[in-house]
Amino acid sequence: MSLFTAEAPGLPARLLALREPETGALTFPRSAFGCTTTGRPAAALEPVALSGRATVLACITLHQPVLPGLAPPVRLAELRLAEGPVVQGVIEGAGGDLPPGSAVQAVMAADGVSCLFRPVPPA
């Protein structure tokens, strides 16, 4: 089950979720088990593509290796997606921590397989 869709590496990604038709509750990532809020089975949910826009709630920089393929430093953030769910994500680049309230956009990583969140410059 794919987590996102994008045209090419570096371009904005849309996150693939499930929506509970009666309540509007969103489940991301999609789950074969169904809605994480209401417990409805996956077959009763609607597939939706979320914008990939998010707001940083908290961000830290890890300076030790944590996973194969993620060379330190790695910025990890708790993010509130524009549509509401709170998720964790890797922030693109090795700059400093992003302050709460910073805007980010999901993008396909250079490997063409994973998704990162890119800081959006202030308008």
PDB file of N, CA and C in Angstrom:
ATOM      1  N   MET A   1       0.851  -1.162   0.000  1.00  0.00           N
ATOM      2  CA  MET A   1       0.000   0.000   0.000  1.00  0.00           C
ATOM      3  C   MET A   1       0.907   1.238   0.000  1.00  0.00           C
ATOM      4  N   SER A   2       0.750   2.088  -0.995  1.00  0.00           N
ATOM      5  CA  SER A   2       1.587   3.272  -1.130  1.00  0.00           C
ATOM      6  C   SER A   2       1.162   4.373  -0.147  1.00  0.00           C
ATOM      7  N   LEU A   3       2.151   5.153   0.303  1.00  0.00           N
ATOM      8  CA  LEU A   3       1.883   6.251   1.237  1.00  0.00           C
ATOM      9  C   LEU A   3       1.591   7.568   0.533  1.00  0.00           C
ATOM     10  N   PHE A   4       2.106   7.719  -0.695  1.00  0.00           N
ATOM     11  CA  PHE A   4       1.981   9.004  -1.374  1.00  0.00           C
ATOM     12  C   PHE A   4       2.053   8.808  -2.875  1.00  0.00           C
ATOM     13  N   THR A   5       1.736   9.885  -3.599  1.00  0.00           N
ATOM     14  CA  THR A   5       1.882   9.907  -5.043  1.00  0.00           C
ATOM     15  C   THR A   5       2.522  11.237  -5.425  1.00  0.00           C
ATOM     16  N   ALA A   6       3.428  11.198  -6.400  1.00  0.00           N
ATOM     17  CA  ALA A   6       4.091  12.411  -6.900  1.00  0.00           C
ATOM     18  C   ALA A   6       4.546  12.143  -8.325  1.00  0.00           C
ATOM     19  N   GLU A   7       4.702  13.212  -9.103  1.00  0.00           N
ATOM     20  CA  GLU A   7       5.119  13.087 -10.505  1.00  0.00           C
ATOM     21  C   GLU A   7       6.578  12.663 -10.646  1.00  0.00           C
ATOM     22  N   ALA A   8       7.440  13.208  -9.782  1.00  0.00           N
ATOM     23  CA  ALA A   8       8.876  12.930  -9.896  1.00  0.00           C
ATOM     24  C   ALA A   8       9.564  13.375  -8.607  1.00  0.00           C
ATOM     25  N   PRO A   9      10.792  12.869  -8.371  1.00  0.00           N
ATOM     26  CA  PRO A   9      11.536  13.316  -7.186  1.00  0.00           C
ATOM     27  C   PRO A   9      11.646  14.838  -7.124  1.00  0.00           C
ATOM     28  N   GLY A  10      11.468  15.376  -5.918  1.00  0.00           N
ATOM     29  CA  GLY A  10      11.574  16.811  -5.689  1.00  0.00           C
ATOM     30  C   GLY A  10      10.269  17.568  -5.899  1.00  0.00           C
ATOM     31  N   LEU A  11       9.282  16.920  -6.497  1.00  0.00           N
ATOM     32  CA  LEU A  11       8.004  17.584  -6.739  1.00  0.00           C
ATOM     33  C   LEU A  11       7.040  17.312  -5.582  1.00  0.00           C
ATOM     34  N   PRO A  12       6.049  18.192  -5.386  1.00  0.00           N
ATOM     35  CA  PRO A  12       5.091  17.991  -4.295  1.00  0.00           C
ATOM     36  C   PRO A  12       4.425  16.619  -4.358  1.00  0.00           C
ATOM     37  N   ALA A  13       4.201  16.070  -3.182  1.00  0.00           N
ATOM     38  CA  ALA A  13       3.565  14.758  -3.055  1.00  0.00           C
ATOM     39  C   ALA A  13       2.190  14.921  -2.421  1.00  0.00           C
ATOM     40  N   ARG A  14       1.266  14.076  -2.828  1.00  0.00           N
ATOM     41  CA  ARG A  14      -0.052  14.004  -2.193  1.00  0.00           C
ATOM     42  C   ARG A  14      -0.053  12.740  -1.351  1.00  0.00           C
ATOM     43  N   LEU A  15      -0.465  12.876  -0.107  1.00  0.00           N
ATOM     44  CA  LEU A  15      -0.462  11.760   0.832  1.00  0.00           C
ATOM     45  C   LEU A  15      -1.760  10.979   0.703  1.00  0.00           C
ATOM     46  N   LEU A  16      -1.656   9.662   0.630  1.00  0.00           N
ATOM     47  CA  LEU A  16      -2.817   8.816   0.389  1.00  0.00           C
ATOM     48  C   LEU A  16      -3.408   8.361   1.718  1.00  0.00           C
ATOM     49  N   ALA A  17      -4.672   8.700   1.925  1.00  0.00           N
ATOM     50  CA  ALA A  17      -5.343   8.445   3.196  1.00  0.00           C
ATOM     51  C   ALA A  17      -6.694   7.780   2.936  1.00  0.00           C
ATOM     52  N   LEU A  18      -7.390   7.487   4.025  1.00  0.00           N
ATOM     53  CA  LEU A  18      -8.759   6.985   3.972  1.00  0.00           C
ATOM     54  C   LEU A  18      -9.650   7.931   4.757  1.00  0.00           C
ATOM     55  N   ARG A  19     -10.872   8.149   4.255  1.00  0.00           N
ATOM     56  CA  ARG A  19     -11.831   9.030   4.938  1.00  0.00           C
ATOM     57  C   ARG A  19     -13.059   8.205   5.334  1.00  0.00           C
ATOM     58  N   GLU A  20     -13.479   8.414   6.570  1.00  0.00           N
ATOM     59  CA  GLU A  20     -14.701   7.793   7.088  1.00  0.00           C
ATOM     60  C   GLU A  20     -15.859   8.607   6.533  1.00  0.00           C
ATOM     61  N   PRO A  21     -16.735   8.028   5.699  1.00  0.00           N
ATOM     62  CA  PRO A  21     -17.760   8.830   5.022  1.00  0.00           C
ATOM     63  C   PRO A  21     -18.778   9.486   5.958  1.00  0.00           C
ATOM     64  N   GLU A  22     -19.065   8.884   7.083  1.00  0.00           N
ATOM     65  CA  GLU A  22     -20.079   9.466   7.979  1.00  0.00           C
ATOM     66  C   GLU A  22     -19.528  10.589   8.846  1.00  0.00           C
ATOM     67  N   THR A  23     -18.287  10.444   9.322  1.00  0.00           N
ATOM     68  CA  THR A  23     -17.732  11.430  10.249  1.00  0.00           C
ATOM     69  C   THR A  23     -16.679  12.332   9.619  1.00  0.00           C
ATOM     70  N   GLY A  24     -16.108  11.919   8.479  1.00  0.00           N
ATOM     71  CA  GLY A  24     -15.024  12.678   7.860  1.00  0.00           C
ATOM     72  C   GLY A  24     -13.673  12.385   8.470  1.00  0.00           C
ATOM     73  N   ALA A  25     -13.609  11.486   9.465  1.00  0.00           N
ATOM     74  CA  ALA A  25     -12.337  11.151  10.113  1.00  0.00           C
ATOM     75  C   ALA A  25     -11.350  10.612   9.080  1.00  0.00           C
ATOM     76  N   LEU A  26     -10.099  11.052   9.187  1.00  0.00           N
ATOM     77  CA  LEU A  26      -9.054  10.630   8.260  1.00  0.00           C
ATOM     78  C   LEU A  26      -8.110   9.644   8.922  1.00  0.00           C
ATOM     79  N   THR A  27      -7.667   8.655   8.134  1.00  0.00           N
ATOM     80  CA  THR A  27      -6.656   7.706   8.576  1.00  0.00           C
ATOM     81  C   THR A  27      -5.469   7.823   7.632  1.00  0.00           C
ATOM     82  N   PHE A  28      -4.329   8.245   8.166  1.00  0.00           N
ATOM     83  CA  PHE A  28      -3.077   8.287   7.398  1.00  0.00           C
ATOM     84  C   PHE A  28      -1.986   7.749   8.294  1.00  0.00           C
ATOM     85  N   PRO A  29      -1.205   6.789   7.747  1.00  0.00           N
ATOM     86  CA  PRO A  29      -1.323   6.229   6.407  1.00  0.00           C
ATOM     87  C   PRO A  29      -2.535   5.307   6.293  1.00  0.00           C
ATOM     88  N   ARG A  30      -2.876   4.988   5.035  1.00  0.00           N
ATOM     89  CA  ARG A  30      -3.978   4.058   4.798  1.00  0.00           C
ATOM     90  C   ARG A  30      -3.694   2.768   5.561  1.00  0.00           C
ATOM     91  N   SER A  31      -4.748   2.161   6.068  1.00  0.00           N
ATOM     92  CA  SER A  31      -4.599   0.938   6.857  1.00  0.00           C
ATOM     93  C   SER A  31      -5.568  -0.118   6.357  1.00  0.00           C
ATOM     94  N   ALA A  32      -5.060  -1.323   6.173  1.00  0.00           N
ATOM     95  CA  ALA A  32      -5.922  -2.438   5.779  1.00  0.00           C
ATOM     96  C   ALA A  32      -6.905  -2.779   6.891  1.00  0.00           C
ATOM     97  N   PHE A  33      -6.651  -2.296   8.106  1.00  0.00           N
ATOM     98  CA  PHE A  33      -7.507  -2.589   9.253  1.00  0.00           C
ATOM     99  C   PHE A  33      -8.669  -1.619   9.377  1.00  0.00           C
ATOM    100  N   GLY A  34      -8.619  -0.481   8.671  1.00  0.00           N
ATOM    101  CA  GLY A  34      -9.730   0.454   8.709  1.00  0.00           C
ATOM    102  C   GLY A  34      -9.407   1.760   9.396  1.00  0.00           C
ATOM    103  N   CYS A  35     -10.435   2.438   9.860  1.00  0.00           N
ATOM    104  CA  CYS A  35     -10.313   3.773  10.440  1.00  0.00           C
ATOM    105  C   CYS A  35      -9.729   3.703  11.846  1.00  0.00           C
ATOM    106  N   THR A  36      -8.696   4.482  12.085  1.00  0.00           N
ATOM    107  CA  THR A  36      -8.053   4.504  13.397  1.00  0.00           C
ATOM    108  C   THR A  36      -8.865   5.295  14.420  1.00  0.00           C
ATOM    109  N   THR A  37      -9.865   6.040  13.975  1.00  0.00           N
ATOM    110  CA  THR A  37     -10.700   6.829  14.886  1.00  0.00           C
ATOM    111  C   THR A  37     -12.000   6.103  15.243  1.00  0.00           C
ATOM    112  N   THR A  38     -12.687   5.595  14.217  1.00  0.00           N
ATOM    113  CA  THR A  38     -14.008   5.002  14.456  1.00  0.00           C
ATOM    114  C   THR A  38     -14.000   3.481  14.469  1.00  0.00           C
ATOM    115  N   GLY A  39     -12.955   2.856  13.921  1.00  0.00           N
ATOM    116  CA  GLY A  39     -12.895   1.402  13.861  1.00  0.00           C
ATOM    117  C   GLY A  39     -13.633   0.786  12.686  1.00  0.00           C
ATOM    118  N   ARG A  40     -14.203   1.619  11.808  1.00  0.00           N
ATOM    119  CA  ARG A  40     -14.886   1.067  10.622  1.00  0.00           C
ATOM    120  C   ARG A  40     -13.901   0.321   9.747  1.00  0.00           C
ATOM    121  N   PRO A  41     -14.321  -0.779   9.124  1.00  0.00           N
ATOM    122  CA  PRO A  41     -13.412  -1.550   8.271  1.00  0.00           C
ATOM    123  C   PRO A  41     -12.981  -0.750   7.035  1.00  0.00           C
ATOM    124  N   ALA A  42     -11.797  -1.076   6.532  1.00  0.00           N
ATOM    125  CA  ALA A  42     -11.231  -0.350   5.387  1.00  0.00           C
ATOM    126  C   ALA A  42     -12.165  -0.370   4.179  1.00  0.00           C
ATOM    127  N   ALA A  43     -12.889  -1.458   3.980  1.00  0.00           N
ATOM    128  CA  ALA A  43     -13.787  -1.566   2.820  1.00  0.00           C
ATOM    129  C   ALA A  43     -14.901  -0.526   2.862  1.00  0.00           C
ATOM    130  N   ALA A  44     -15.206   0.020   4.040  1.00  0.00           N
ATOM    131  CA  ALA A  44     -16.279   1.013   4.179  1.00  0.00           C
ATOM    132  C   ALA A  44     -15.758   2.447   4.090  1.00  0.00           C
ATOM    133  N   LEU A  45     -14.446   2.624   3.871  1.00  0.00           N
ATOM    134  CA  LEU A  45     -13.839   3.952   3.839  1.00  0.00           C
ATOM    135  C   LEU A  45     -13.566   4.396   2.412  1.00  0.00           C
ATOM    136  N   GLU A  46     -13.445   5.718   2.231  1.00  0.00           N
ATOM    137  CA  GLU A  46     -13.183   6.295   0.910  1.00  0.00           C
ATOM    138  C   GLU A  46     -11.705   6.653   0.792  1.00  0.00           C
ATOM    139  N   PRO A  47     -11.031   6.209  -0.287  1.00  0.00           N
ATOM    140  CA  PRO A  47      -9.656   6.643  -0.493  1.00  0.00           C
ATOM    141  C   PRO A  47      -9.626   8.128  -0.867  1.00  0.00           C
ATOM    142  N   VAL A  48      -8.704   8.882  -0.270  1.00  0.00           N
ATOM    143  CA  VAL A  48      -8.541  10.307  -0.586  1.00  0.00           C
ATOM    144  C   VAL A  48      -7.059  10.630  -0.676  1.00  0.00           C
ATOM    145  N   ALA A  49      -6.742  11.683  -1.430  1.00  0.00           N
ATOM    146  CA  ALA A  49      -5.372  12.182  -1.531  1.00  0.00           C
ATOM    147  C   ALA A  49      -5.303  13.518  -0.795  1.00  0.00           C
ATOM    148  N   LEU A  50      -4.453  13.597   0.208  1.00  0.00           N
ATOM    149  CA  LEU A  50      -4.292  14.824   0.990  1.00  0.00           C
ATOM    150  C   LEU A  50      -3.255  15.721   0.316  1.00  0.00           C
ATOM    151  N   SER A  51      -3.290  16.999   0.631  1.00  0.00           N
ATOM    152  CA  SER A  51      -2.463  18.004  -0.044  1.00  0.00           C
ATOM    153  C   SER A  51      -0.962  17.843   0.182  1.00  0.00           C
ATOM    154  N   GLY A  52      -0.567  17.259   1.292  1.00  0.00           N
ATOM    155  CA  GLY A  52       0.858  17.177   1.626  1.00  0.00           C
ATOM    156  C   GLY A  52       1.366  18.417   2.345  1.00  0.00           C
ATOM    157  N   ARG A  53       0.510  19.431   2.505  1.00  0.00           N
ATOM    158  CA  ARG A  53       0.894  20.633   3.257  1.00  0.00           C
ATOM    159  C   ARG A  53       0.753  20.341   4.746  1.00  0.00           C
ATOM    160  N   ALA A  54       1.681  20.896   5.529  1.00  0.00           N
ATOM    161  CA  ALA A  54       1.644  20.655   6.973  1.00  0.00           C
ATOM    162  C   ALA A  54       2.283  21.820   7.710  1.00  0.00           C
ATOM    163  N   THR A  55       2.045  21.843   9.017  1.00  0.00           N
ATOM    164  CA  THR A  55       2.623  22.829   9.919  1.00  0.00           C
ATOM    165  C   THR A  55       3.446  22.081  10.962  1.00  0.00           C
ATOM    166  N   VAL A  56       4.653  22.570  11.222  1.00  0.00           N
ATOM    167  CA  VAL A  56       5.532  21.952  12.210  1.00  0.00           C
ATOM    168  C   VAL A  56       4.981  22.218  13.610  1.00  0.00           C
ATOM    169  N   LEU A  57       4.825  21.147  14.397  1.00  0.00           N
ATOM    170  CA  LEU A  57       4.463  21.264  15.809  1.00  0.00           C
ATOM    171  C   LEU A  57       5.719  21.235  16.675  1.00  0.00           C
ATOM    172  N   ALA A  58       6.679  20.385  16.309  1.00  0.00           N
ATOM    173  CA  ALA A  58       7.954  20.269  17.024  1.00  0.00           C
ATOM    174  C   ALA A  58       8.967  19.673  16.059  1.00  0.00           C
ATOM    175  N   CYS A  59      10.238  20.054  16.226  1.00  0.00           N
ATOM    176  CA  CYS A  59      11.292  19.571  15.333  1.00  0.00           C
ATOM    177  C   CYS A  59      12.569  19.375  16.129  1.00  0.00           C
ATOM    178  N   ILE A  60      13.251  18.258  15.878  1.00  0.00           N
ATOM    179  CA  ILE A  60      14.550  18.001  16.503  1.00  0.00           C
ATOM    180  C   ILE A  60      15.541  17.574  15.433  1.00  0.00           C
ATOM    181  N   THR A  61      16.831  17.739  15.725  1.00  0.00           N
ATOM    182  CA  THR A  61      17.877  17.270  14.836  1.00  0.00           C
ATOM    183  C   THR A  61      18.617  16.141  15.532  1.00  0.00           C
ATOM    184  N   LEU A  62      18.668  14.985  14.871  1.00  0.00           N
ATOM    185  CA  LEU A  62      19.395  13.827  15.399  1.00  0.00           C
ATOM    186  C   LEU A  62      20.802  13.828  14.813  1.00  0.00           C
ATOM    187  N   HIS A  63      21.789  13.689  15.668  1.00  0.00           N
ATOM    188  CA  HIS A  63      23.178  13.703  15.224  1.00  0.00           C
ATOM    189  C   HIS A  63      23.808  12.325  15.290  1.00  0.00           C
ATOM    190  N   GLN A  64      23.032  11.313  15.645  1.00  0.00           N
ATOM    191  CA  GLN A  64      23.490   9.924  15.688  1.00  0.00           C
ATOM    192  C   GLN A  64      22.708   9.133  14.639  1.00  0.00           C
ATOM    193  N   PRO A  65      23.327   8.088  14.067  1.00  0.00           N
ATOM    194  CA  PRO A  65      22.573   7.264  13.108  1.00  0.00           C
ATOM    195  C   PRO A  65      21.372   6.608  13.789  1.00  0.00           C
ATOM    196  N   VAL A  66      20.217   6.641  13.119  1.00  0.00           N
ATOM    197  CA  VAL A  66      19.015   6.015  13.678  1.00  0.00           C
ATOM    198  C   VAL A  66      18.467   4.918  12.771  1.00  0.00           C
ATOM    199  N   LEU A  67      18.611   5.080  11.473  1.00  0.00           N
ATOM    200  CA  LEU A  67      18.120   4.092  10.519  1.00  0.00           C
ATOM    201  C   LEU A  67      19.093   3.977   9.349  1.00  0.00           C
ATOM    202  N   PRO A  68      19.219   2.784   8.789  1.00  0.00           N
ATOM    203  CA  PRO A  68      20.049   2.666   7.582  1.00  0.00           C
ATOM    204  C   PRO A  68      19.506   3.581   6.484  1.00  0.00           C
ATOM    205  N   GLY A  69      20.402   4.252   5.787  1.00  0.00           N
ATOM    206  CA  GLY A  69      20.005   5.143   4.706  1.00  0.00           C
ATOM    207  C   GLY A  69      19.717   6.568   5.141  1.00  0.00           C
ATOM    208  N   LEU A  70      19.673   6.829   6.452  1.00  0.00           N
ATOM    209  CA  LEU A  70      19.480   8.188   6.962  1.00  0.00           C
ATOM    210  C   LEU A  70      20.754   8.615   7.674  1.00  0.00           C
ATOM    211  N   ALA A  71      21.636   9.279   6.926  1.00  0.00           N
ATOM    212  CA  ALA A  71      22.901   9.724   7.497  1.00  0.00           C
ATOM    213  C   ALA A  71      22.683  10.999   8.307  1.00  0.00           C
ATOM    214  N   PRO A  72      23.216  11.046   9.532  1.00  0.00           N
ATOM    215  CA  PRO A  72      23.050  12.247  10.345  1.00  0.00           C
ATOM    216  C   PRO A  72      23.781  13.436   9.717  1.00  0.00           C
ATOM    217  N   PRO A  73      23.340  14.655  10.016  1.00  0.00           N
ATOM    218  CA  PRO A  73      22.198  14.978  10.868  1.00  0.00           C
ATOM    219  C   PRO A  73      20.879  14.781  10.129  1.00  0.00           C
ATOM    220  N   VAL A  74      19.851  14.370  10.871  1.00  0.00           N
ATOM    221  CA  VAL A  74      18.505  14.154  10.337  1.00  0.00           C
ATOM    222  C   VAL A  74      17.530  14.973  11.174  1.00  0.00           C
ATOM    223  N   ARG A  75      16.688  15.752  10.484  1.00  0.00           N
ATOM    224  CA  ARG A  75      15.657  16.532  11.189  1.00  0.00           C
ATOM    225  C   ARG A  75      14.357  15.748  11.173  1.00  0.00           C
ATOM    226  N   LEU A  76      13.834  15.485  12.349  1.00  0.00           N
ATOM    227  CA  LEU A  76      12.552  14.799  12.494  1.00  0.00           C
ATOM    228  C   LEU A  76      11.556  15.776  13.087  1.00  0.00           C
ATOM    229  N   ALA A  77      10.311  15.710  12.608  1.00  0.00           N
ATOM    230  CA  ALA A  77       9.308  16.657  13.084  1.00  0.00           C
ATOM    231  C   ALA A  77       7.976  15.973  13.321  1.00  0.00           C
ATOM    232  N   GLU A  78       7.240  16.532  14.272  1.00  0.00           N
ATOM    233  CA  GLU A  78       5.827  16.197  14.431  1.00  0.00           C
ATOM    234  C   GLU A  78       5.086  17.279  13.663  1.00  0.00           C
ATOM    235  N   LEU A  79       4.178  16.848  12.787  1.00  0.00           N
ATOM    236  CA  LEU A  79       3.531  17.755  11.843  1.00  0.00           C
ATOM    237  C   LEU A  79       2.018  17.610  11.905  1.00  0.00           C
ATOM    238  N   ARG A  80       1.311  18.719  11.774  1.00  0.00           N
ATOM    239  CA  ARG A  80      -0.142  18.665  11.618  1.00  0.00           C
ATOM    240  C   ARG A  80      -0.432  18.895  10.138  1.00  0.00           C
ATOM    241  N   LEU A  81      -0.966  17.868   9.492  1.00  0.00           N
ATOM    242  CA  LEU A  81      -1.332  18.009   8.087  1.00  0.00           C
ATOM    243  C   LEU A  81      -2.439  19.045   7.945  1.00  0.00           C
ATOM    244  N   ALA A  82      -2.489  19.715   6.810  1.00  0.00           N
ATOM    245  CA  ALA A  82      -3.496  20.754   6.571  1.00  0.00           C
ATOM    246  C   ALA A  82      -4.905  20.213   6.778  1.00  0.00           C
ATOM    247  N   GLU A  83      -5.098  18.929   6.521  1.00  0.00           N
ATOM    248  CA  GLU A  83      -6.417  18.322   6.660  1.00  0.00           C
ATOM    249  C   GLU A  83      -6.688  17.827   8.084  1.00  0.00           C
ATOM    250  N   GLY A  84      -5.707  17.941   8.994  1.00  0.00           N
ATOM    251  CA  GLY A  84      -5.953  17.635  10.400  1.00  0.00           C
ATOM    252  C   GLY A  84      -5.102  16.587  11.081  1.00  0.00           C
ATOM    253  N   PRO A  85      -4.834  15.415  10.462  1.00  0.00           N
ATOM    254  CA  PRO A  85      -4.061  14.405  11.182  1.00  0.00           C
ATOM    255  C   PRO A  85      -2.669  14.893  11.584  1.00  0.00           C
ATOM    256  N   VAL A  86      -2.178  14.360  12.697  1.00  0.00           N
ATOM    257  CA  VAL A  86      -0.820  14.640  13.162  1.00  0.00           C
ATOM    258  C   VAL A  86       0.040  13.439  12.819  1.00  0.00           C
ATOM    259  N   VAL A  87       1.188  13.695  12.169  1.00  0.00           N
ATOM    260  CA  VAL A  87       2.099  12.636  11.730  1.00  0.00           C
ATOM    261  C   VAL A  87       3.529  13.024  12.085  1.00  0.00           C
ATOM    262  N   GLN A  88       4.425  12.072  11.956  1.00  0.00           N
ATOM    263  CA  GLN A  88       5.841  12.352  12.098  1.00  0.00           C
ATOM    264  C   GLN A  88       6.466  12.271  10.712  1.00  0.00           C
ATOM    265  N   GLY A  89       7.477  13.108  10.461  1.00  0.00           N
ATOM    266  CA  GLY A  89       8.123  13.097   9.156  1.00  0.00           C
ATOM    267  C   GLY A  89       9.552  13.565   9.230  1.00  0.00           C
ATOM    268  N   VAL A  90      10.300  13.247   8.178  1.00  0.00           N
ATOM    269  CA  VAL A  90      11.687  13.687   8.025  1.00  0.00           C
ATOM    270  C   VAL A  90      11.661  14.994   7.241  1.00  0.00           C
ATOM    271  N   ILE A  91      12.387  15.982   7.760  1.00  0.00           N
ATOM    272  CA  ILE A  91      12.479  17.285   7.089  1.00  0.00           C
ATOM    273  C   ILE A  91      13.680  17.259   6.146  1.00  0.00           C
ATOM    274  N   GLU A  92      13.464  17.714   4.931  1.00  0.00           N
ATOM    275  CA  GLU A  92      14.520  17.740   3.918  1.00  0.00           C
ATOM    276  C   GLU A  92      15.644  18.683   4.339  1.00  0.00           C
ATOM    277  N   GLY A  93      16.894  18.285   4.088  1.00  0.00           N
ATOM    278  CA  GLY A  93      18.049  19.136   4.337  1.00  0.00           C
ATOM    279  C   GLY A  93      18.586  18.992   5.738  1.00  0.00           C
ATOM    280  N   ALA A  94      19.731  19.631   5.965  1.00  0.00           N
ATOM    281  CA  ALA A  94      20.430  19.495   7.246  1.00  0.00           C
ATOM    282  C   ALA A  94      20.482  20.805   8.012  1.00  0.00           C
ATOM    283  N   GLY A  95      19.601  21.754   7.685  1.00  0.00           N
ATOM    284  CA  GLY A  95      19.576  23.023   8.405  1.00  0.00           C
ATOM    285  C   GLY A  95      19.174  22.830   9.850  1.00  0.00           C
ATOM    286  N   GLY A  96      19.049  23.898  10.589  1.00  0.00           N
ATOM    287  CA  GLY A  96      18.673  23.834  12.000  1.00  0.00           C
ATOM    288  C   GLY A  96      17.226  23.410  12.186  1.00  0.00           C
ATOM    289  N   ASP A  97      16.863  23.221  13.438  1.00  0.00           N
ATOM    290  CA  ASP A  97      15.477  22.859  13.765  1.00  0.00           C
ATOM    291  C   ASP A  97      14.523  23.930  13.226  1.00  0.00           C
ATOM    292  N   LEU A  98      13.357  23.506  12.820  1.00  0.00           N
ATOM    293  CA  LEU A  98      12.340  24.447  12.362  1.00  0.00           C
ATOM    294  C   LEU A  98      11.469  24.832  13.545  1.00  0.00           C
ATOM    295  N   PRO A  99      11.184  26.105  13.712  1.00  0.00           N
ATOM    296  CA  PRO A  99      10.332  26.506  14.835  1.00  0.00           C
ATOM    297  C   PRO A  99       8.888  26.057  14.629  1.00  0.00           C
ATOM    298  N   PRO A 100       8.163  25.834  15.733  1.00  0.00           N
ATOM    299  CA  PRO A 100       6.741  25.514  15.609  1.00  0.00           C
ATOM    300  C   PRO A 100       6.030  26.576  14.777  1.00  0.00           C
ATOM    301  N   GLY A 101       5.101  26.112  13.953  1.00  0.00           N
ATOM    302  CA  GLY A 101       4.353  27.012  13.077  1.00  0.00           C
ATOM    303  C   GLY A 101       4.927  27.117  11.678  1.00  0.00           C
ATOM    304  N   SER A 102       6.145  26.583  11.460  1.00  0.00           N
ATOM    305  CA  SER A 102       6.741  26.625  10.121  1.00  0.00           C
ATOM    306  C   SER A 102       5.927  25.768   9.160  1.00  0.00           C
ATOM    307  N   ALA A 103       5.795  26.249   7.926  1.00  0.00           N
ATOM    308  CA  ALA A 103       5.065  25.512   6.891  1.00  0.00           C
ATOM    309  C   ALA A 103       6.019  24.585   6.149  1.00  0.00           C
ATOM    310  N   VAL A 104       5.533  23.381   5.827  1.00  0.00           N
ATOM    311  CA  VAL A 104       6.291  22.409   5.040  1.00  0.00           C
ATOM    312  C   VAL A 104       5.372  21.777   4.008  1.00  0.00           C
ATOM    313  N   GLN A 105       5.982  21.185   2.974  1.00  0.00           N
ATOM    314  CA  GLN A 105       5.247  20.503   1.907  1.00  0.00           C
ATOM    315  C   GLN A 105       5.886  19.147   1.668  1.00  0.00           C
ATOM    316  N   ALA A 106       5.083  18.096   1.604  1.00  0.00           N
ATOM    317  CA  ALA A 106       5.595  16.759   1.285  1.00  0.00           C
ATOM    318  C   ALA A 106       6.120  16.756  -0.146  1.00  0.00           C
ATOM    319  N   VAL A 107       7.287  16.131  -0.342  1.00  0.00           N
ATOM    320  CA  VAL A 107       7.884  15.966  -1.670  1.00  0.00           C
ATOM    321  C   VAL A 107       8.446  14.554  -1.780  1.00  0.00           C
ATOM    322  N   MET A 108       8.499  14.038  -3.012  1.00  0.00           N
ATOM    323  CA  MET A 108       9.137  12.752  -3.238  1.00  0.00           C
ATOM    324  C   MET A 108      10.641  12.929  -3.095  1.00  0.00           C
ATOM    325  N   ALA A 109      11.286  12.047  -2.339  1.00  0.00           N
ATOM    326  CA  ALA A 109      12.737  12.107  -2.143  1.00  0.00           C
ATOM    327  C   ALA A 109      13.460  11.716  -3.427  1.00  0.00           C
ATOM    328  N   ALA A 110      14.750  12.020  -3.485  1.00  0.00           N
ATOM    329  CA  ALA A 110      15.564  11.732  -4.664  1.00  0.00           C
ATOM    330  C   ALA A 110      15.586  10.244  -5.000  1.00  0.00           C
ATOM    331  N   ASP A 111      15.393   9.378  -3.996  1.00  0.00           N
ATOM    332  CA  ASP A 111      15.408   7.934  -4.262  1.00  0.00           C
ATOM    333  C   ASP A 111      14.160   7.467  -5.012  1.00  0.00           C
ATOM    334  N   GLY A 112      13.149   8.346  -5.153  1.00  0.00           N
ATOM    335  CA  GLY A 112      11.933   8.002  -5.867  1.00  0.00           C
ATOM    336  C   GLY A 112      11.021   7.054  -5.123  1.00  0.00           C
ATOM    337  N   VAL A 113      11.366   6.750  -3.863  1.00  0.00           N
ATOM    338  CA  VAL A 113      10.598   5.783  -3.080  1.00  0.00           C
ATOM    339  C   VAL A 113      10.032   6.401  -1.811  1.00  0.00           C
ATOM    340  N   SER A 114      10.804   7.265  -1.181  1.00  0.00           N
ATOM    341  CA  SER A 114      10.383   7.820   0.106  1.00  0.00           C
ATOM    342  C   SER A 114       9.897   9.262  -0.043  1.00  0.00           C
ATOM    343  N   CYS A 115       9.319   9.752   1.038  1.00  0.00           N
ATOM    344  CA  CYS A 115       8.725  11.085   1.067  1.00  0.00           C
ATOM    345  C   CYS A 115       9.396  11.891   2.179  1.00  0.00           C
ATOM    346  N   LEU A 116       9.723  13.140   1.887  1.00  0.00           N
ATOM    347  CA  LEU A 116      10.288  14.072   2.864  1.00  0.00           C
ATOM    348  C   LEU A 116       9.372  15.289   2.933  1.00  0.00           C
ATOM    349  N   PHE A 117       9.595  16.116   3.922  1.00  0.00           N
ATOM    350  CA  PHE A 117       8.862  17.383   4.009  1.00  0.00           C
ATOM    351  C   PHE A 117       9.852  18.523   3.794  1.00  0.00           C
ATOM    352  N   ARG A 118       9.546  19.378   2.835  1.00  0.00           N
ATOM    353  CA  ARG A 118      10.420  20.505   2.473  1.00  0.00           C
ATOM    354  C   ARG A 118       9.872  21.782   3.126  1.00  0.00           C
ATOM    355  N   PRO A 119      10.748  22.542   3.817  1.00  0.00           N
ATOM    356  CA  PRO A 119      10.303  23.830   4.358  1.00  0.00           C
ATOM    357  C   PRO A 119       9.812  24.746   3.228  1.00  0.00           C
ATOM    358  N   VAL A 120       8.728  25.452   3.507  1.00  0.00           N
ATOM    359  CA  VAL A 120       8.147  26.412   2.557  1.00  0.00           C
ATOM    360  C   VAL A 120       8.589  27.793   3.012  1.00  0.00           C
ATOM    361  N   PRO A 121       9.274  28.543   2.129  1.00  0.00           N
ATOM    362  CA  PRO A 121       9.708  29.879   2.522  1.00  0.00           C
ATOM    363  C   PRO A 121       8.513  30.760   2.899  1.00  0.00           C
ATOM    364  N   PRO A 122       8.677  31.622   3.923  1.00  0.00           N
ATOM    365  CA  PRO A 122       7.585  32.533   4.282  1.00  0.00           C
ATOM    366  C   PRO A 122       7.210  33.429   3.099  1.00  0.00           C
ATOM    367  N   ALA A 123       5.936  33.733   2.984  1.00  0.00           N
ATOM    368  CA  ALA A 123       5.462  34.576   1.863  1.00  0.00           C
ATOM    369  C   ALA A 123       5.833  36.012   2.067  1.00  0.00           C
TER     370      ALA A 123
END
